[in-house]
Amino acid sequence: VLMTVPAAVLLLIAANAIVIVSPGESGVVVSWGQVQPKTLGEGLHFVTPVRDRVEHVDVTIKKMSIDADATSRDLQSVLTKVAVNFSVDPARANIVFQRFRKQHDDRFVGPAIQESVKASTARFPAEELITKRSEVKKAILGELESRLEPQHFKVVNVSIENFQFDRQFQAAIERKQVAAQKILEERNILESRRVQAEQVVEQRTRVRV
């Protein structure tokens, strides 16, 4: 049985009125070209055909790795590689879409990570970037939160994957680490000899008694 034209049109309209938002997505309703002040959670939703369309925004946790050129407090050049886990706030996905469409990674998050790393690196002398890694990470996290959260992004975690300095400075750090290790070994040897000497004295004292 052939479907009549009016029935086919009604069926098409009804089909366009049903929207499914998948897990890990937030639905942004756009009515006559205007982003609406509400978002749709995962599941089945009904919208007004023709007038409304729904944009699907990814709100899952994503990982972005960035190489950031920066300068330490003592003016040493350093290339910092960081990995940031973040997500769009599902309840504010409409605002994120309105500001960045679906290009927020390149247009905003990436540059924000770059600026956060630069600002944080400038607080520490180059050597402390290595010896105080946890403090550096905390500083980067704070900078990121101050930039991303007002724009409705959630910062889940930050990890520093690597610091790379120029060859001369890197070589100087390696020499210092080798020297420090040698000093530690020598101290351990002296401590071991001291303990052995005390044990000998103690044994001789026991023999005399």
N, C-alpha and C. Protein backbone atom coordinates (compact mmCIF):
# COMPACT_ATOMS: atom_id res chain seq x y z
N VAL A 1 0.85 -1.18 0.00
CA VAL A 1 0.00 0.00 0.00
C VAL A 1 0.89 1.24 0.00
N LEU A 2 0.64 2.11 -1.00
CA LEU A 2 1.43 3.32 -1.10
C LEU A 2 0.95 4.35 -0.08
N MET A 3 1.92 5.01 0.53
CA MET A 3 1.59 6.04 1.52
C MET A 3 1.24 7.33 0.80
N THR A 4 0.20 8.00 1.23
CA THR A 4 -0.19 9.27 0.62
C THR A 4 0.83 10.34 0.97
N VAL A 5 0.87 11.38 0.16
CA VAL A 5 1.83 12.46 0.38
C VAL A 5 1.65 13.12 1.74
N PRO A 6 0.43 13.48 2.14
CA PRO A 6 0.26 14.08 3.48
C PRO A 6 0.74 13.17 4.60
N ALA A 7 0.47 11.86 4.46
CA ALA A 7 0.90 10.92 5.49
C ALA A 7 2.41 10.84 5.56
N ALA A 8 3.04 10.86 4.39
CA ALA A 8 4.50 10.81 4.34
C ALA A 8 5.11 12.05 4.97
N VAL A 9 4.50 13.20 4.71
CA VAL A 9 4.99 14.46 5.30
C VAL A 9 4.86 14.44 6.81
N LEU A 10 3.69 13.96 7.27
CA LEU A 10 3.48 13.86 8.72
C LEU A 10 4.48 12.92 9.38
N LEU A 11 4.76 11.82 8.70
CA LEU A 11 5.71 10.85 9.24
C LEU A 11 7.11 11.46 9.31
N LEU A 12 7.48 12.23 8.28
CA LEU A 12 8.79 12.87 8.26
C LEU A 12 8.91 13.90 9.38
N ILE A 13 7.83 14.66 9.57
CA ILE A 13 7.83 15.66 10.62
C ILE A 13 7.94 15.00 12.00
N ALA A 14 7.18 13.91 12.17
CA ALA A 14 7.22 13.19 13.45
C ALA A 14 8.61 12.64 13.72
N ALA A 15 9.25 12.13 12.68
CA ALA A 15 10.60 11.58 12.84
C ALA A 15 11.59 12.67 13.25
N ASN A 16 11.42 13.87 12.67
CA ASN A 16 12.33 14.97 13.00
C ASN A 16 12.04 15.56 14.37
N ALA A 17 10.90 15.19 14.95
CA ALA A 17 10.57 15.70 16.28
C ALA A 17 11.23 14.88 17.38
N ILE A 18 11.77 13.74 17.03
CA ILE A 18 12.40 12.85 18.02
C ILE A 18 13.92 12.98 17.93
N VAL A 19 14.54 13.24 19.05
CA VAL A 19 16.00 13.38 19.10
C VAL A 19 16.54 12.46 20.19
N ILE A 20 17.58 11.73 19.87
CA ILE A 20 18.23 10.87 20.85
C ILE A 20 19.62 11.43 21.16
N VAL A 21 19.86 11.71 22.43
CA VAL A 21 21.17 12.18 22.88
C VAL A 21 21.90 10.98 23.49
N SER A 22 23.03 10.64 22.92
CA SER A 22 23.78 9.46 23.35
C SER A 22 24.54 9.72 24.64
N PRO A 23 24.93 8.66 25.35
CA PRO A 23 25.77 8.83 26.54
C PRO A 23 27.08 9.54 26.18
N GLY A 24 27.50 10.44 27.04
CA GLY A 24 28.72 11.19 26.77
C GLY A 24 28.49 12.42 25.91
N GLU A 25 27.22 12.73 25.65
CA GLU A 25 26.88 13.91 24.86
C GLU A 25 25.91 14.80 25.64
N SER A 26 25.87 16.05 25.23
CA SER A 26 24.87 16.98 25.72
C SER A 26 24.22 17.62 24.50
N GLY A 27 22.89 17.67 24.49
CA GLY A 27 22.18 18.22 23.35
C GLY A 27 21.95 19.71 23.50
N VAL A 28 22.34 20.47 22.49
CA VAL A 28 22.14 21.92 22.49
C VAL A 28 21.03 22.25 21.50
N VAL A 29 19.97 22.85 21.99
CA VAL A 29 18.81 23.17 21.16
C VAL A 29 19.01 24.53 20.49
N VAL A 30 18.89 24.56 19.18
CA VAL A 30 19.00 25.80 18.41
C VAL A 30 17.65 26.04 17.74
N SER A 31 16.98 27.14 18.11
CA SER A 31 15.66 27.46 17.57
C SER A 31 15.75 28.70 16.68
N TRP A 32 15.39 28.52 15.40
CA TRP A 32 15.49 29.62 14.44
C TRP A 32 16.86 30.27 14.48
N GLY A 33 17.89 29.46 14.63
CA GLY A 33 19.26 29.97 14.62
C GLY A 33 19.77 30.49 15.94
N GLN A 34 18.96 30.46 16.99
CA GLN A 34 19.38 30.95 18.30
C GLN A 34 19.58 29.80 19.28
N VAL A 35 20.73 29.82 19.97
CA VAL A 35 21.01 28.80 20.98
C VAL A 35 20.12 29.03 22.19
N GLN A 36 19.44 28.00 22.62
CA GLN A 36 18.50 28.10 23.74
C GLN A 36 19.21 27.89 25.09
N PRO A 37 18.66 28.48 26.14
CA PRO A 37 19.30 28.41 27.46
C PRO A 37 19.02 27.11 28.19
N LYS A 38 19.07 26.02 27.50
CA LYS A 38 18.89 24.72 28.16
C LYS A 38 19.67 23.68 27.36
N THR A 39 20.00 22.60 28.03
CA THR A 39 20.68 21.49 27.36
C THR A 39 19.87 20.22 27.57
N LEU A 40 20.07 19.27 26.69
CA LEU A 40 19.36 18.00 26.78
C LEU A 40 20.33 16.92 27.25
N GLY A 41 19.95 16.20 28.29
CA GLY A 41 20.77 15.09 28.76
C GLY A 41 20.58 13.86 27.88
N GLU A 42 21.32 12.81 28.18
CA GLU A 42 21.21 11.61 27.36
C GLU A 42 19.81 11.01 27.45
N GLY A 43 19.37 10.45 26.32
CA GLY A 43 18.04 9.85 26.27
C GLY A 43 17.22 10.39 25.11
N LEU A 44 15.92 10.12 25.17
CA LEU A 44 14.98 10.49 24.10
C LEU A 44 14.32 11.83 24.41
N HIS A 45 14.27 12.69 23.40
CA HIS A 45 13.67 14.02 23.59
C HIS A 45 12.80 14.36 22.38
N PHE A 46 11.85 15.25 22.62
CA PHE A 46 10.98 15.73 21.55
C PHE A 46 11.20 17.23 21.36
N VAL A 47 11.39 17.63 20.12
CA VAL A 47 11.58 19.04 19.78
C VAL A 47 10.59 19.42 18.69
N THR A 48 10.51 20.70 18.42
CA THR A 48 9.60 21.18 17.39
C THR A 48 10.28 21.11 16.03
N PRO A 49 9.77 20.29 15.13
CA PRO A 49 10.39 20.18 13.79
C PRO A 49 10.43 21.53 13.08
N VAL A 50 11.38 21.65 12.17
CA VAL A 50 11.60 22.85 11.36
C VAL A 50 12.19 23.98 12.22
N ARG A 51 11.52 24.30 13.34
CA ARG A 51 12.00 25.39 14.18
C ARG A 51 13.28 25.02 14.91
N ASP A 52 13.33 23.81 15.43
CA ASP A 52 14.45 23.40 16.29
C ASP A 52 15.37 22.40 15.59
N ARG A 53 16.63 22.54 15.92
CA ARG A 53 17.59 21.48 15.61
C ARG A 53 18.44 21.27 16.85
N VAL A 54 19.05 20.11 16.97
CA VAL A 54 19.83 19.79 18.16
C VAL A 54 21.27 19.49 17.76
N GLU A 55 22.20 20.22 18.36
CA GLU A 55 23.64 19.99 18.16
C GLU A 55 24.14 19.09 19.30
N HIS A 56 24.90 18.08 18.94
CA HIS A 56 25.41 17.13 19.93
C HIS A 56 26.85 17.51 20.31
N VAL A 57 27.04 17.84 21.58
CA VAL A 57 28.36 18.27 22.07
C VAL A 57 28.96 17.17 22.94
N ASP A 58 30.19 16.81 22.64
CA ASP A 58 30.90 15.77 23.41
C ASP A 58 31.24 16.32 24.79
N VAL A 59 30.79 15.63 25.85
CA VAL A 59 31.10 16.06 27.22
C VAL A 59 31.90 15.00 27.97
N THR A 60 32.47 14.05 27.25
CA THR A 60 33.31 13.04 27.88
C THR A 60 34.66 13.66 28.26
N ILE A 61 35.38 12.99 29.13
CA ILE A 61 36.72 13.45 29.51
C ILE A 61 37.68 13.19 28.36
N LYS A 62 38.37 14.23 27.94
CA LYS A 62 39.31 14.13 26.82
C LYS A 62 40.72 14.45 27.31
N LYS A 63 41.69 13.91 26.61
CA LYS A 63 43.09 14.16 26.94
C LYS A 63 43.73 14.97 25.83
N MET A 64 44.42 16.04 26.22
CA MET A 64 45.15 16.85 25.25
C MET A 64 46.60 16.97 25.69
N SER A 65 47.53 16.61 24.81
CA SER A 65 48.96 16.75 25.09
C SER A 65 49.49 17.97 24.35
N ILE A 66 50.24 18.78 25.07
CA ILE A 66 50.73 20.04 24.52
C ILE A 66 52.22 20.19 24.79
N ASP A 67 52.97 20.66 23.79
CA ASP A 67 54.36 21.06 23.97
C ASP A 67 54.38 22.59 24.05
N ALA A 68 54.83 23.11 25.18
CA ALA A 68 54.80 24.56 25.39
C ALA A 68 56.21 25.10 25.57
N ASP A 69 56.60 26.05 24.74
CA ASP A 69 57.87 26.75 24.90
C ASP A 69 57.70 27.82 25.96
N ALA A 70 58.60 27.85 26.93
CA ALA A 70 58.49 28.82 28.01
C ALA A 70 59.88 29.23 28.49
N THR A 71 59.90 30.14 29.45
CA THR A 71 61.14 30.62 30.04
C THR A 71 61.03 30.56 31.55
N SER A 72 62.03 30.00 32.21
CA SER A 72 62.02 29.90 33.66
C SER A 72 62.30 31.26 34.29
N ARG A 73 62.21 31.31 35.62
CA ARG A 73 62.43 32.58 36.32
C ARG A 73 63.85 33.09 36.13
N ASP A 74 64.80 32.16 35.97
CA ASP A 74 66.19 32.57 35.73
C ASP A 74 66.51 32.60 34.24
N LEU A 75 65.48 32.75 33.42
CA LEU A 75 65.59 33.00 31.98
C LEU A 75 66.20 31.84 31.18
N GLN A 76 66.00 30.63 31.65
CA GLN A 76 66.40 29.45 30.89
C GLN A 76 65.22 29.02 30.00
N SER A 77 65.53 28.73 28.75
CA SER A 77 64.49 28.25 27.84
C SER A 77 64.16 26.80 28.18
N VAL A 78 62.87 26.48 28.17
CA VAL A 78 62.46 25.12 28.51
C VAL A 78 61.23 24.75 27.68
N LEU A 79 61.26 23.54 27.16
CA LEU A 79 60.11 22.99 26.44
C LEU A 79 59.41 22.02 27.39
N THR A 80 58.19 22.33 27.73
CA THR A 80 57.44 21.52 28.69
C THR A 80 56.34 20.77 27.97
N LYS A 81 56.31 19.46 28.18
CA LYS A 81 55.24 18.65 27.60
C LYS A 81 54.29 18.26 28.72
N VAL A 82 53.02 18.66 28.58
CA VAL A 82 52.03 18.35 29.59
C VAL A 82 50.84 17.64 28.94
N ALA A 83 50.15 16.86 29.76
CA ALA A 83 48.91 16.21 29.32
C ALA A 83 47.80 16.67 30.27
N VAL A 84 46.71 17.11 29.70
CA VAL A 84 45.59 17.64 30.48
C VAL A 84 44.32 16.84 30.16
N ASN A 85 43.67 16.37 31.21
CA ASN A 85 42.37 15.72 31.07
C ASN A 85 41.29 16.74 31.44
N PHE A 86 40.33 16.93 30.56
CA PHE A 86 39.31 17.95 30.79
C PHE A 86 38.00 17.52 30.11
N SER A 87 36.94 18.25 30.43
CA SER A 87 35.66 17.98 29.79
C SER A 87 34.83 19.24 29.76
N VAL A 88 33.85 19.27 28.88
CA VAL A 88 32.87 20.35 28.85
C VAL A 88 31.85 20.11 29.96
N ASP A 89 31.48 21.16 30.68
CA ASP A 89 30.43 21.04 31.69
C ASP A 89 29.11 20.74 30.98
N PRO A 90 28.51 19.56 31.21
CA PRO A 90 27.30 19.19 30.47
C PRO A 90 26.17 20.20 30.61
N ALA A 91 26.04 20.80 31.80
CA ALA A 91 24.96 21.74 32.05
C ALA A 91 25.17 23.07 31.34
N ARG A 92 26.40 23.32 30.86
CA ARG A 92 26.71 24.59 30.20
C ARG A 92 27.20 24.36 28.77
N ALA A 93 26.88 23.20 28.22
CA ALA A 93 27.32 22.90 26.86
C ALA A 93 26.76 23.88 25.85
N ASN A 94 25.57 24.43 26.14
CA ASN A 94 24.97 25.40 25.22
C ASN A 94 25.82 26.67 25.11
N ILE A 95 26.39 27.10 26.26
CA ILE A 95 27.22 28.31 26.24
C ILE A 95 28.53 28.04 25.51
N VAL A 96 29.11 26.86 25.76
CA VAL A 96 30.36 26.49 25.07
C VAL A 96 30.13 26.43 23.57
N PHE A 97 29.01 25.84 23.16
CA PHE A 97 28.70 25.76 21.73
C PHE A 97 28.48 27.14 21.15
N GLN A 98 27.80 28.01 21.87
CA GLN A 98 27.52 29.35 21.38
C GLN A 98 28.80 30.15 21.18
N ARG A 99 29.78 29.96 22.06
CA ARG A 99 31.02 30.73 21.98
C ARG A 99 32.03 30.14 21.00
N PHE A 100 32.11 28.82 20.97
CA PHE A 100 33.18 28.19 20.19
C PHE A 100 32.69 27.24 19.10
N ARG A 101 31.35 27.05 19.00
CA ARG A 101 30.79 26.00 18.15
C ARG A 101 31.41 24.68 18.62
N LYS A 102 31.98 23.88 17.74
CA LYS A 102 32.60 22.63 18.18
C LYS A 102 34.12 22.68 17.99
N GLN A 103 34.65 23.89 18.05
CA GLN A 103 36.09 24.08 17.83
C GLN A 103 36.80 24.56 19.10
N HIS A 104 36.22 24.23 20.27
CA HIS A 104 36.79 24.76 21.51
C HIS A 104 38.18 24.21 21.81
N ASP A 105 38.50 22.99 21.35
CA ASP A 105 39.83 22.43 21.62
C ASP A 105 40.91 23.31 21.00
N ASP A 106 40.76 23.62 19.72
CA ASP A 106 41.79 24.40 19.01
C ASP A 106 41.70 25.89 19.31
N ARG A 107 40.49 26.39 19.45
CA ARG A 107 40.30 27.83 19.59
C ARG A 107 40.53 28.32 21.02
N PHE A 108 40.33 27.43 22.00
CA PHE A 108 40.42 27.91 23.38
C PHE A 108 41.26 27.03 24.30
N VAL A 109 40.94 25.74 24.40
CA VAL A 109 41.60 24.89 25.40
C VAL A 109 43.10 24.79 25.14
N GLY A 110 43.50 24.50 23.90
CA GLY A 110 44.93 24.40 23.58
C GLY A 110 45.70 25.66 23.94
N PRO A 111 45.26 26.84 23.45
CA PRO A 111 45.95 28.07 23.83
C PRO A 111 45.95 28.33 25.33
N ALA A 112 44.87 27.96 26.03
CA ALA A 112 44.82 28.16 27.48
C ALA A 112 45.86 27.31 28.19
N ILE A 113 46.07 26.10 27.71
CA ILE A 113 47.10 25.24 28.29
C ILE A 113 48.48 25.85 28.06
N GLN A 114 48.72 26.34 26.84
CA GLN A 114 50.00 26.98 26.53
C GLN A 114 50.28 28.13 27.49
N GLU A 115 49.30 29.01 27.67
CA GLU A 115 49.49 30.18 28.52
C GLU A 115 49.65 29.78 29.99
N SER A 116 48.96 28.75 30.42
CA SER A 116 49.06 28.29 31.80
C SER A 116 50.46 27.75 32.09
N VAL A 117 51.00 26.98 31.15
CA VAL A 117 52.35 26.44 31.32
C VAL A 117 53.38 27.56 31.34
N LYS A 118 53.25 28.53 30.46
CA LYS A 118 54.19 29.64 30.41
C LYS A 118 54.16 30.45 31.70
N ALA A 119 52.96 30.75 32.18
CA ALA A 119 52.83 31.54 33.40
C ALA A 119 53.39 30.80 34.61
N SER A 120 53.17 29.50 34.67
CA SER A 120 53.64 28.70 35.82
C SER A 120 55.15 28.50 35.77
N THR A 121 55.67 28.23 34.58
CA THR A 121 57.12 28.01 34.43
C THR A 121 57.91 29.24 34.84
N ALA A 122 57.37 30.42 34.56
CA ALA A 122 58.07 31.66 34.87
C ALA A 122 58.21 31.90 36.37
N ARG A 123 57.51 31.15 37.20
CA ARG A 123 57.59 31.33 38.65
C ARG A 123 58.77 30.61 39.28
N PHE A 124 59.37 29.66 38.56
CA PHE A 124 60.39 28.79 39.14
C PHE A 124 61.72 28.93 38.41
N PRO A 125 62.84 28.88 39.16
CA PRO A 125 64.14 28.73 38.51
C PRO A 125 64.17 27.38 37.79
N ALA A 126 64.99 27.29 36.76
CA ALA A 126 64.99 26.10 35.91
C ALA A 126 65.22 24.82 36.70
N GLU A 127 66.15 24.85 37.64
CA GLU A 127 66.47 23.63 38.38
C GLU A 127 65.29 23.18 39.24
N GLU A 128 64.52 24.13 39.77
CA GLU A 128 63.38 23.78 40.61
C GLU A 128 62.24 23.17 39.80
N LEU A 129 62.23 23.41 38.50
CA LEU A 129 61.22 22.75 37.67
C LEU A 129 61.35 21.23 37.77
N ILE A 130 62.58 20.79 38.03
CA ILE A 130 62.84 19.36 38.17
C ILE A 130 62.70 18.91 39.62
N THR A 131 63.31 19.67 40.54
CA THR A 131 63.33 19.24 41.94
C THR A 131 62.00 19.48 42.65
N LYS A 132 61.19 20.41 42.13
CA LYS A 132 59.89 20.71 42.74
C LYS A 132 58.77 20.45 41.74
N ARG A 133 58.83 19.31 41.13
CA ARG A 133 57.89 18.97 40.07
C ARG A 133 56.42 19.02 40.55
N SER A 134 56.17 18.53 41.76
CA SER A 134 54.80 18.52 42.27
C SER A 134 54.26 19.94 42.45
N GLU A 135 55.14 20.88 42.87
CA GLU A 135 54.71 22.26 43.03
C GLU A 135 54.43 22.91 41.68
N VAL A 136 55.25 22.56 40.70
CA VAL A 136 55.04 23.08 39.34
C VAL A 136 53.71 22.59 38.78
N LYS A 137 53.46 21.30 38.99
CA LYS A 137 52.19 20.72 38.53
C LYS A 137 51.01 21.43 39.19
N LYS A 138 51.11 21.70 40.48
CA LYS A 138 50.04 22.37 41.21
C LYS A 138 49.82 23.78 40.66
N ALA A 139 50.91 24.45 40.31
CA ALA A 139 50.80 25.80 39.76
C ALA A 139 50.11 25.78 38.40
N ILE A 140 50.49 24.82 37.55
CA ILE A 140 49.86 24.70 36.24
C ILE A 140 48.38 24.40 36.37
N LEU A 141 48.04 23.50 37.30
CA LEU A 141 46.64 23.16 37.53
C LEU A 141 45.84 24.39 37.96
N GLY A 142 46.40 25.17 38.87
CA GLY A 142 45.72 26.38 39.32
C GLY A 142 45.49 27.37 38.19
N GLU A 143 46.52 27.55 37.36
CA GLU A 143 46.39 28.46 36.22
C GLU A 143 45.32 27.98 35.26
N LEU A 144 45.31 26.68 35.00
CA LEU A 144 44.34 26.11 34.08
C LEU A 144 42.91 26.29 34.60
N GLU A 145 42.71 26.00 35.86
CA GLU A 145 41.37 26.13 36.44
C GLU A 145 40.88 27.57 36.35
N SER A 146 41.78 28.53 36.57
CA SER A 146 41.37 29.93 36.52
C SER A 146 40.99 30.36 35.12
N ARG A 147 41.53 29.69 34.11
CA ARG A 147 41.22 30.03 32.72
C ARG A 147 40.04 29.22 32.16
N LEU A 148 40.00 27.93 32.47
CA LEU A 148 39.01 27.06 31.85
C LEU A 148 37.66 27.05 32.55
N GLU A 149 37.67 27.03 33.88
CA GLU A 149 36.40 26.88 34.60
C GLU A 149 35.42 28.04 34.35
N PRO A 150 35.88 29.31 34.26
CA PRO A 150 34.92 30.37 33.95
C PRO A 150 34.27 30.21 32.57
N GLN A 151 34.92 29.46 31.70
CA GLN A 151 34.38 29.21 30.36
C GLN A 151 33.65 27.87 30.30
N HIS A 152 33.37 27.29 31.47
CA HIS A 152 32.55 26.08 31.60
C HIS A 152 33.23 24.80 31.11
N PHE A 153 34.52 24.70 31.45
CA PHE A 153 35.26 23.46 31.24
C PHE A 153 35.73 22.96 32.61
N LYS A 154 35.73 21.66 32.78
CA LYS A 154 36.19 21.05 34.02
C LYS A 154 37.58 20.46 33.81
N VAL A 155 38.53 20.87 34.66
CA VAL A 155 39.88 20.31 34.59
C VAL A 155 39.93 19.10 35.52
N VAL A 156 40.19 17.94 34.96
CA VAL A 156 40.19 16.70 35.74
C VAL A 156 41.58 16.42 36.31
N ASN A 157 42.60 16.56 35.47
CA ASN A 157 43.95 16.24 35.92
C ASN A 157 44.98 16.86 34.99
N VAL A 158 46.15 17.12 35.55
CA VAL A 158 47.29 17.62 34.77
C VAL A 158 48.50 16.76 35.11
N SER A 159 49.24 16.35 34.09
CA SER A 159 50.48 15.61 34.35
C SER A 159 51.60 16.22 33.50
N ILE A 160 52.75 16.37 34.13
CA ILE A 160 53.94 16.86 33.42
C ILE A 160 54.67 15.65 32.86
N GLU A 161 54.76 15.57 31.55
CA GLU A 161 55.38 14.40 30.92
C GLU A 161 56.88 14.58 30.73
N ASN A 162 57.32 15.83 30.51
CA ASN A 162 58.76 16.02 30.30
C ASN A 162 59.13 17.50 30.33
N PHE A 163 60.36 17.76 30.81
CA PHE A 163 60.99 19.07 30.68
C PHE A 163 62.21 18.90 29.78
N GLN A 164 62.37 19.77 28.82
CA GLN A 164 63.54 19.69 27.95
C GLN A 164 64.21 21.06 27.90
N PHE A 165 65.47 21.10 28.35
CA PHE A 165 66.23 22.35 28.35
C PHE A 165 67.22 22.35 27.19
N ASP A 166 67.93 23.47 27.03
CA ASP A 166 68.96 23.47 25.98
C ASP A 166 70.10 22.55 26.41
N ARG A 167 70.90 22.13 25.45
CA ARG A 167 71.92 21.10 25.70
C ARG A 167 72.91 21.48 26.79
N GLN A 168 73.32 22.73 26.78
CA GLN A 168 74.33 23.16 27.77
C GLN A 168 73.78 23.07 29.20
N PHE A 169 72.57 23.56 29.38
CA PHE A 169 71.98 23.53 30.72
C PHE A 169 71.67 22.09 31.13
N GLN A 170 71.17 21.29 30.18
CA GLN A 170 70.87 19.89 30.47
C GLN A 170 72.12 19.14 30.90
N ALA A 171 73.24 19.41 30.21
CA ALA A 171 74.51 18.77 30.57
C ALA A 171 74.95 19.19 31.97
N ALA A 172 74.74 20.47 32.30
CA ALA A 172 75.13 20.96 33.63
C ALA A 172 74.30 20.28 34.72
N ILE A 173 73.02 20.08 34.45
CA ILE A 173 72.16 19.40 35.41
C ILE A 173 72.61 17.96 35.60
N GLU A 174 72.95 17.29 34.50
CA GLU A 174 73.39 15.90 34.59
C GLU A 174 74.69 15.79 35.38
N ARG A 175 75.62 16.72 35.16
CA ARG A 175 76.88 16.70 35.91
C ARG A 175 76.62 16.90 37.40
N LYS A 176 75.72 17.80 37.71
CA LYS A 176 75.40 18.07 39.12
C LYS A 176 74.75 16.85 39.76
N GLN A 177 73.89 16.17 39.01
CA GLN A 177 73.24 14.98 39.55
C GLN A 177 74.26 13.87 39.79
N VAL A 178 75.20 13.73 38.85
CA VAL A 178 76.25 12.72 39.01
C VAL A 178 77.11 13.04 40.24
N ALA A 179 77.45 14.33 40.41
CA ALA A 179 78.26 14.73 41.56
C ALA A 179 77.51 14.48 42.86
N ALA A 180 76.23 14.80 42.88
CA ALA A 180 75.42 14.58 44.08
C ALA A 180 75.32 13.10 44.41
N GLN A 181 75.20 12.26 43.39
CA GLN A 181 75.14 10.82 43.60
C GLN A 181 76.46 10.29 44.15
N LYS A 182 77.55 10.84 43.65
CA LYS A 182 78.87 10.41 44.12
C LYS A 182 79.07 10.79 45.58
N ILE A 183 78.64 12.00 45.94
CA ILE A 183 78.74 12.44 47.34
C ILE A 183 77.92 11.54 48.24
N LEU A 184 76.72 11.20 47.80
CA LEU A 184 75.86 10.33 48.58
C LEU A 184 76.50 8.96 48.77
N GLU A 185 77.09 8.42 47.72
CA GLU A 185 77.76 7.12 47.82
C GLU A 185 78.92 7.17 48.80
N GLU A 186 79.69 8.26 48.75
CA GLU A 186 80.83 8.40 49.65
C GLU A 186 80.36 8.52 51.10
N ARG A 187 79.27 9.24 51.31
CA ARG A 187 78.72 9.35 52.67
C ARG A 187 78.26 7.98 53.17
N ASN A 188 77.65 7.21 52.30
CA ASN A 188 77.20 5.87 52.68
C ASN A 188 78.37 4.97 53.05
N ILE A 189 79.46 5.10 52.29
CA ILE A 189 80.66 4.31 52.57
C ILE A 189 81.24 4.69 53.93
N LEU A 190 81.33 6.03 54.19
CA LEU A 190 81.87 6.50 55.46
C LEU A 190 80.98 6.05 56.63
N GLU A 191 79.68 6.11 56.43
CA GLU A 191 78.75 5.69 57.47
C GLU A 191 78.89 4.20 57.74
N SER A 192 79.06 3.43 56.67
CA SER A 192 79.23 1.99 56.82
C SER A 192 80.52 1.68 57.60
N ARG A 193 81.59 2.39 57.30
CA ARG A 193 82.86 2.17 57.99
C ARG A 193 82.74 2.57 59.47
N ARG A 194 82.01 3.66 59.74
CA ARG A 194 81.82 4.10 61.11
C ARG A 194 81.08 3.04 61.92
N VAL A 195 80.03 2.49 61.33
CA VAL A 195 79.25 1.46 62.01
C VAL A 195 80.11 0.22 62.26
N GLN A 196 80.90 -0.16 61.26
CA GLN A 196 81.77 -1.32 61.41
C GLN A 196 82.78 -1.09 62.53
N ALA A 197 83.34 0.13 62.59
CA ALA A 197 84.32 0.44 63.63
C ALA A 197 83.68 0.38 65.02
N GLU A 198 82.47 0.88 65.14
CA GLU A 198 81.78 0.83 66.42
C GLU A 198 81.50 -0.61 66.83
N GLN A 199 81.16 -1.44 65.86
CA GLN A 199 80.90 -2.85 66.15
C GLN A 199 82.17 -3.55 66.65
N VAL A 200 83.32 -3.21 66.04
CA VAL A 200 84.59 -3.81 66.45
C VAL A 200 84.91 -3.41 67.89
N VAL A 201 84.73 -2.11 68.19
CA VAL A 201 85.00 -1.63 69.55
C VAL A 201 84.09 -2.33 70.55
N GLU A 202 82.82 -2.48 70.18
CA GLU A 202 81.86 -3.12 71.07
C GLU A 202 82.23 -4.58 71.32
N GLN A 203 82.66 -5.28 70.25
CA GLN A 203 83.06 -6.68 70.40
C GLN A 203 84.28 -6.81 71.30
N ARG A 204 85.28 -5.92 71.14
CA ARG A 204 86.47 -5.97 71.98
C ARG A 204 86.13 -5.69 73.44
N THR A 205 85.20 -4.78 73.66
CA THR A 205 84.78 -4.46 75.02
C THR A 205 84.14 -5.68 75.68
N ARG A 206 83.34 -6.42 74.93
CA ARG A 206 82.68 -7.60 75.45
C ARG A 206 83.70 -8.68 75.78
N VAL A 207 84.71 -8.81 74.94
CA VAL A 207 85.74 -9.82 75.18
C VAL A 207 86.49 -9.53 76.49
N ARG A 208 86.82 -8.26 76.73
CA ARG A 208 87.53 -7.88 77.93
C ARG A 208 86.70 -8.16 79.18
N VAL A 209 85.39 -7.90 79.07
CA VAL A 209 84.51 -8.14 80.21
C VAL A 209 84.41 -9.64 80.49
